């Protein structure tokens, strides 16, 4: 589960010891694409774009400006 630290469900999930990762920005597909891009780029891998699919017909993408 990927949540923003202000998400109201966070305390409930922590109470039942659910595995949760926090993201300082709202965990939208666009922000997740940038998070993945930055992580992979930091590993010195050649990268042009990250485009995670939300559904079969919708995706978000991030490429460095």
Protein backbone atom coordinates (compact mmCIF):
# COMPACT_ATOMS: atom_id res chain seq x y z
CA UNK A 1 0.00 0.00 0.00
CA UNK A 2 1.39 3.37 -0.99
CA UNK A 3 -0.08 6.33 0.88
CA UNK A 4 0.51 9.99 1.65
CA UNK A 5 1.39 10.56 5.34
CA UNK A 6 -1.80 12.61 5.81
CA UNK A 7 -4.09 9.84 4.55
CA UNK A 8 -6.81 9.31 7.17
CA UNK A 9 -6.71 5.52 6.79
CA UNK A 10 -3.00 5.34 7.69
CA UNK A 11 -3.48 5.02 11.49
CA UNK A 12 -5.97 2.18 11.00
CA UNK A 13 -3.60 0.27 8.74
CA UNK A 14 -0.70 0.79 11.12
CA UNK A 15 -2.85 -0.43 14.00
CA UNK A 16 -3.44 -3.77 12.27
CA UNK A 17 0.25 -3.93 11.25
CA UNK A 18 -0.45 -3.63 7.54
CA UNK A 19 2.61 -3.02 5.38
CA UNK A 20 2.46 0.59 4.19
CA UNK A 21 4.92 2.75 2.28
CA UNK A 22 4.64 6.51 2.50
CA UNK A 23 5.11 8.98 -0.32
CA UNK A 24 5.62 12.67 0.40
CA UNK A 25 3.41 13.62 -2.54
CA UNK A 26 -0.06 12.38 -3.37
CA UNK A 27 0.46 8.82 -4.75
CA UNK A 28 -1.11 9.44 -8.16
CA UNK A 29 0.01 7.43 -11.16
CA UNK A 30 1.87 10.48 -12.43
CA UNK A 31 3.77 10.92 -9.18
CA UNK A 32 4.51 7.19 -8.98
CA UNK A 33 5.91 7.37 -12.53
CA UNK A 34 8.26 10.15 -11.46
CA UNK A 35 9.27 8.27 -8.29
CA UNK A 36 10.18 5.21 -10.38
CA UNK A 37 12.00 7.38 -12.94
CA UNK A 38 14.08 9.12 -10.28
CA UNK A 39 14.92 5.81 -8.56
CA UNK A 40 16.05 4.08 -11.75
CA UNK A 41 17.96 7.12 -12.98
CA UNK A 42 19.81 7.33 -9.65
CA UNK A 43 21.08 3.80 -10.35
CA UNK A 44 22.78 5.15 -13.49
CA UNK A 45 20.55 3.19 -15.84
CA UNK A 46 19.80 4.80 -19.20
CA UNK A 47 16.20 5.93 -19.12
CA UNK A 48 13.94 8.02 -21.32
CA UNK A 49 10.45 7.58 -19.87
CA UNK A 50 8.41 5.65 -17.30
CA UNK A 51 4.77 4.92 -18.15
CA UNK A 52 2.86 2.78 -15.62
CA UNK A 53 -0.56 1.60 -16.76
CA UNK A 54 -3.52 2.42 -14.52
CA UNK A 55 -5.88 0.28 -16.61
CA UNK A 56 -5.72 -1.47 -19.98
CA UNK A 57 -6.45 1.83 -21.72
CA UNK A 58 -5.04 4.49 -19.38
CA UNK A 59 -1.49 5.26 -18.40
CA UNK A 60 0.51 8.04 -16.83
CA UNK A 61 4.03 8.88 -17.89
CA UNK A 62 7.04 10.84 -16.78
CA UNK A 63 10.06 11.88 -18.76
CA UNK A 64 12.72 14.31 -17.65
CA UNK A 65 12.03 17.84 -18.89
